[in-house]
C-alpha atoms as a PDB file:
ATOM      1  CA  UNK A   1      19.639  -6.396 -22.450  1.00  0.00           C
ATOM      2  CA  UNK A   2      19.559  -2.635 -22.733  1.00  0.00           C
ATOM      3  CA  UNK A   3      16.985  -0.366 -21.086  1.00  0.00           C
ATOM      4  CA  UNK A   4      15.881   3.212 -21.811  1.00  0.00           C
ATOM      5  CA  UNK A   5      14.380   5.773 -19.430  1.00  0.00           C
ATOM      6  CA  UNK A   6      10.876   6.909 -20.329  1.00  0.00           C
ATOM      7  CA  UNK A   7      10.012  10.529 -21.090  1.00  0.00           C
ATOM      8  CA  UNK A   8       8.251  10.730 -17.713  1.00  0.00           C
ATOM      9  CA  UNK A   9      11.304   9.422 -15.843  1.00  0.00           C
ATOM     10  CA  UNK A  10      13.480  11.993 -17.583  1.00  0.00           C
ATOM     11  CA  UNK A  11      10.960  14.767 -16.809  1.00  0.00           C
ATOM     12  CA  UNK A  12      10.887  13.695 -13.149  1.00  0.00           C
ATOM     13  CA  UNK A  13      14.654  14.408 -12.909  1.00  0.00           C
ATOM     14  CA  UNK A  14      14.252  18.093 -13.850  1.00  0.00           C
ATOM     15  CA  UNK A  15      16.056  20.362 -11.376  1.00  0.00           C
ATOM     16  CA  UNK A  16      18.305  17.562 -10.132  1.00  0.00           C
ATOM     17  CA  UNK A  17      22.044  18.152 -10.198  1.00  0.00           C
ATOM     18  CA  UNK A  18      23.483  17.385 -13.665  1.00  0.00           C
ATOM     19  CA  UNK A  19      25.928  14.873 -12.194  1.00  0.00           C
ATOM     20  CA  UNK A  20      23.007  12.793 -10.864  1.00  0.00           C
ATOM     21  CA  UNK A  21      21.340  12.924 -14.280  1.00  0.00           C
ATOM     22  CA  UNK A  22      24.587  11.792 -15.891  1.00  0.00           C
ATOM     23  CA  UNK A  23      24.837   8.958 -13.360  1.00  0.00           C
ATOM     24  CA  UNK A  24      21.218   7.940 -14.030  1.00  0.00           C
ATOM     25  CA  UNK A  25      21.824   7.992 -17.810  1.00  0.00           C
ATOM     26  CA  UNK A  26      24.823   5.652 -17.455  1.00  0.00           C
ATOM     27  CA  UNK A  27      23.110   3.445 -14.855  1.00  0.00           C
ATOM     28  CA  UNK A  28      20.185   2.702 -17.201  1.00  0.00           C
ATOM     29  CA  UNK A  29      22.684   1.476 -19.782  1.00  0.00           C
ATOM     30  CA  UNK A  30      24.501  -0.908 -17.403  1.00  0.00           C
ATOM     31  CA  UNK A  31      21.732  -2.101 -15.082  1.00  0.00           C
ATOM     32  CA  UNK A  32      20.553  -5.714 -15.117  1.00  0.00           C
ATOM     33  CA  UNK A  33      17.114  -4.587 -13.870  1.00  0.00           C
ATOM     34  CA  UNK A  34      15.077  -1.856 -15.521  1.00  0.00           C
ATOM     35  CA  UNK A  35      14.264   1.197 -13.410  1.00  0.00           C
ATOM     36  CA  UNK A  36      12.498   4.528 -13.512  1.00  0.00           C
ATOM     37  CA  UNK A  37      12.103   7.765 -11.612  1.00  0.00           C
ATOM     38  CA  UNK A  38       8.646   8.473 -10.184  1.00  0.00           C
ATOM     39  CA  UNK A  39       6.844  11.795  -9.856  1.00  0.00           C
ATOM     40  CA  UNK A  40       8.436  12.679  -6.491  1.00  0.00           C
ATOM     41  CA  UNK A  41      11.875  11.287  -7.365  1.00  0.00           C
ATOM     42  CA  UNK A  42      13.615  14.588  -8.026  1.00  0.00           C
ATOM     43  CA  UNK A  43      13.148  18.115  -6.750  1.00  0.00           C
ATOM     44  CA  UNK A  44      10.337  18.641  -4.236  1.00  0.00           C
ATOM     45  CA  UNK A  45       8.583  21.675  -2.843  1.00  0.00           C
ATOM     46  CA  UNK A  46       8.397  22.141   0.935  1.00  0.00           C
ATOM     47  CA  UNK A  47       4.738  21.088   0.794  1.00  0.00           C
ATOM     48  CA  UNK A  48       5.539  17.891  -1.150  1.00  0.00           C
ATOM     49  CA  UNK A  49       8.422  17.051   1.219  1.00  0.00           C
ATOM     50  CA  UNK A  50       6.243  17.681   4.263  1.00  0.00           C
ATOM     51  CA  UNK A  51       3.575  15.299   2.930  1.00  0.00           C
ATOM     52  CA  UNK A  52       6.210  12.535   2.651  1.00  0.00           C
ATOM     53  CA  UNK A  53       7.424  13.366   6.177  1.00  0.00           C
ATOM     54  CA  UNK A  54       3.885  13.106   7.540  1.00  0.00           C
ATOM     55  CA  UNK A  55       3.485   9.736   5.770  1.00  0.00           C
ATOM     56  CA  UNK A  56       6.696   8.520   7.494  1.00  0.00           C
ATOM     57  CA  UNK A  57       8.470   8.208   4.144  1.00  0.00           C
ATOM     58  CA  UNK A  58      11.105  10.826   4.968  1.00  0.00           C
ATOM     59  CA  UNK A  59      12.922  12.124   8.020  1.00  0.00           C
ATOM     60  CA  UNK A  60      13.042  15.696   6.689  1.00  0.00           C
ATOM     61  CA  UNK A  61       9.915  17.829   7.241  1.00  0.00           C
ATOM     62  CA  UNK A  62      10.645  20.144   4.309  1.00  0.00           C
ATOM     63  CA  UNK A  63      10.434  23.349   6.348  1.00  0.00           C
ATOM     64  CA  UNK A  64      12.761  23.216   9.381  1.00  0.00           C
ATOM     65  CA  UNK A  65      14.760  20.260   8.120  1.00  0.00           C
ATOM     66  CA  UNK A  66      15.303  20.381   4.373  1.00  0.00           C
ATOM     67  CA  UNK A  67      15.662  17.245   2.282  1.00  0.00           C
ATOM     68  CA  UNK A  68      18.386  16.836  -0.314  1.00  0.00           C
ATOM     69  CA  UNK A  69      15.465  16.609  -2.728  1.00  0.00           C
ATOM     70  CA  UNK A  70      14.867  20.306  -2.133  1.00  0.00           C
ATOM     71  CA  UNK A  71      16.920  23.083  -3.664  1.00  0.00           C
ATOM     72  CA  UNK A  72      18.678  24.450  -0.597  1.00  0.00           C
ATOM     73  CA  UNK A  73      19.746  28.081  -0.188  1.00  0.00           C
ATOM     74  CA  UNK A  74      22.944  28.693  -2.124  1.00  0.00           C
ATOM     75  CA  UNK A  75      22.347  25.740  -4.479  1.00  0.00           C
ATOM     76  CA  UNK A  76      20.724  25.712  -7.882  1.00  0.00           C
ATOM     77  CA  UNK A  77      19.857  22.005  -7.939  1.00  0.00           C
ATOM     78  CA  UNK A  78      18.400  19.202  -5.858  1.00  0.00           C
ATOM     79  CA  UNK A  79      21.092  16.833  -4.706  1.00  0.00           C
ATOM     80  CA  UNK A  80      19.052  13.619  -4.447  1.00  0.00           C
ATOM     81  CA  UNK A  81      17.211  11.304  -6.818  1.00  0.00           C
ATOM     82  CA  UNK A  82      14.910   8.391  -6.081  1.00  0.00           C
ATOM     83  CA  UNK A  83      14.222   5.389  -8.285  1.00  0.00           C
ATOM     84  CA  UNK A  84      12.073   2.298  -8.468  1.00  0.00           C
ATOM     85  CA  UNK A  85      12.865  -1.027 -10.041  1.00  0.00           C
ATOM     86  CA  UNK A  86      10.747  -2.227 -12.940  1.00  0.00           C
ATOM     87  CA  UNK A  87      10.147  -5.980 -12.878  1.00  0.00           C
ATOM     88  CA  UNK A  88       6.775  -6.943 -14.363  1.00  0.00           C
ATOM     89  CA  UNK A  89       5.670  -3.503 -13.154  1.00  0.00           C
ATOM     90  CA  UNK A  90       7.027  -1.084 -10.542  1.00  0.00           C
ATOM     91  CA  UNK A  91       8.834  -2.873  -7.723  1.00  0.00           C
ATOM     92  CA  UNK A  92      10.142  -1.703  -4.362  1.00  0.00           C
ATOM     93  CA  UNK A  93      11.434  -5.173  -3.406  1.00  0.00           C
ATOM     94  CA  UNK A  94      14.744  -4.841  -1.587  1.00  0.00           C
ATOM     95  CA  UNK A  95      16.550  -7.276  -3.884  1.00  0.00           C
ATOM     96  CA  UNK A  96      15.432  -5.394  -6.991  1.00  0.00           C
ATOM     97  CA  UNK A  97      16.306  -1.986  -5.551  1.00  0.00           C
ATOM     98  CA  UNK A  98      19.741  -3.254  -4.471  1.00  0.00           C
ATOM     99  CA  UNK A  99      20.529  -4.424  -7.990  1.00  0.00           C
ATOM    100  CA  UNK A 100      19.499  -1.060  -9.449  1.00  0.00           C
ATOM    101  CA  UNK A 101      21.532   0.726  -6.766  1.00  0.00           C
ATOM    102  CA  UNK A 102      24.568  -1.335  -7.796  1.00  0.00           C
ATOM    103  CA  UNK A 103      24.244   0.148 -11.295  1.00  0.00           C
ATOM    104  CA  UNK A 104      24.056   3.680  -9.818  1.00  0.00           C
ATOM    105  CA  UNK A 105      27.114   3.063  -7.658  1.00  0.00           C
ATOM    106  CA  UNK A 106      29.049   1.598 -10.609  1.00  0.00           C
ATOM    107  CA  UNK A 107      28.006   4.512 -12.860  1.00  0.00           C
ATOM    108  CA  UNK A 108      29.062   7.086 -10.246  1.00  0.00           C
ATOM    109  CA  UNK A 109      32.418   5.366  -9.792  1.00  0.00           C
ATOM    110  CA  UNK A 110      32.971   5.203 -13.549  1.00  0.00           C
ATOM    111  CA  UNK A 111      32.200   8.916 -13.878  1.00  0.00           C
ATOM    112  CA  UNK A 112      34.278   9.883 -10.856  1.00  0.00           C
ATOM    113  CA  UNK A 113      31.363  11.135  -8.723  1.00  0.00           C
ATOM    114  CA  UNK A 114      30.611  10.223  -5.120  1.00  0.00           C
ATOM    115  CA  UNK A 115      27.093   9.233  -4.095  1.00  0.00           C
ATOM    116  CA  UNK A 116      25.414   7.740  -1.052  1.00  0.00           C
ATOM    117  CA  UNK A 117      22.776   5.063  -1.312  1.00  0.00           C
ATOM    118  CA  UNK A 118      19.976   5.074   1.251  1.00  0.00           C
ATOM    119  CA  UNK A 119      20.013   1.265   1.285  1.00  0.00           C
ATOM    120  CA  UNK A 120      23.205   1.476   3.336  1.00  0.00           C
ATOM    121  CA  UNK A 121      21.782   3.849   5.930  1.00  0.00           C
ATOM    122  CA  UNK A 122      21.255   2.128   9.282  1.00  0.00           C
ATOM    123  CA  UNK A 123      17.773   1.584  10.678  1.00  0.00           C
ATOM    124  CA  UNK A 124      16.950   1.926  14.330  1.00  0.00           C
ATOM    125  CA  UNK A 125      15.497  -1.562  14.155  1.00  0.00           C
ATOM    126  CA  UNK A 126      17.292  -3.331  11.280  1.00  0.00           C
ATOM    127  CA  UNK A 127      15.115  -4.982   8.665  1.00  0.00           C
ATOM    128  CA  UNK A 128      16.509  -8.310   7.549  1.00  0.00           C
ATOM    129  CA  UNK A 129      15.601 -10.305   4.499  1.00  0.00           C
ATOM    130  CA  UNK A 130      17.419 -13.580   3.821  1.00  0.00           C
ATOM    131  CA  UNK A 131      19.956 -12.604   6.484  1.00  0.00           C
ATOM    132  CA  UNK A 132      20.765  -9.251   4.835  1.00  0.00           C
ATOM    133  CA  UNK A 133      20.168  -5.997   6.742  1.00  0.00           C
ATOM    134  CA  UNK A 134      18.704  -3.309   4.510  1.00  0.00           C
ATOM    135  CA  UNK A 135      18.875   0.432   5.037  1.00  0.00           C
ATOM    136  CA  UNK A 136      15.848   2.595   5.564  1.00  0.00           C
ATOM    137  CA  UNK A 137      15.749   4.442   2.218  1.00  0.00           C
ATOM    138  CA  UNK A 138      16.361   1.822  -0.455  1.00  0.00           C
ATOM    139  CA  UNK A 139      15.200   3.820  -3.508  1.00  0.00           C
ATOM    140  CA  UNK A 140      17.387   6.884  -2.744  1.00  0.00           C
ATOM    141  CA  UNK A 141      20.754   8.163  -3.990  1.00  0.00           C
ATOM    142  CA  UNK A 142      22.318  11.530  -3.287  1.00  0.00           C
ATOM    143  CA  UNK A 143      25.378  13.351  -4.493  1.00  0.00           C
ATOM    144  CA  UNK A 144      27.913  13.860  -1.693  1.00  0.00           C
ATOM    145  CA  UNK A 145      30.714  15.556  -3.584  1.00  0.00           C
ATOM    146  CA  UNK A 146      30.340  17.693  -6.676  1.00  0.00           C
ATOM    147  CA  UNK A 147      33.969  18.770  -6.983  1.00  0.00           C
ATOM    148  CA  UNK A 148      34.311  17.368 -10.492  1.00  0.00           C
END
């Protein structure tokens, strides 16, 4: 089965590093679970980032501590991209997000780019589901090396 990103998902990636867009474009072709990019998935303003911080959805406040979703001084792009799984509607179930993340990791490897997946980031109090510990930011990837 082959999936295609919607116009909105593509628009929501605007301002994100071209390598992440390339990774996303390949991941949608190889994924076993459909996915998309929501309205706050790509580049964020300080105000938008701060709202996510206040809602406990981010550790970066957007002003003193910048998120990789923000264009940092000296950069021209955001270095992070969020996603959601699409299984009979939008899904943030860990199993679904992990399968989508596998497509992102495979795509990055195929293209020769390095990314981090927030699902591997340790939690202070690990969350387990079916004996598997999940990281604290499951729908997040970020570019860690743009040498290519």
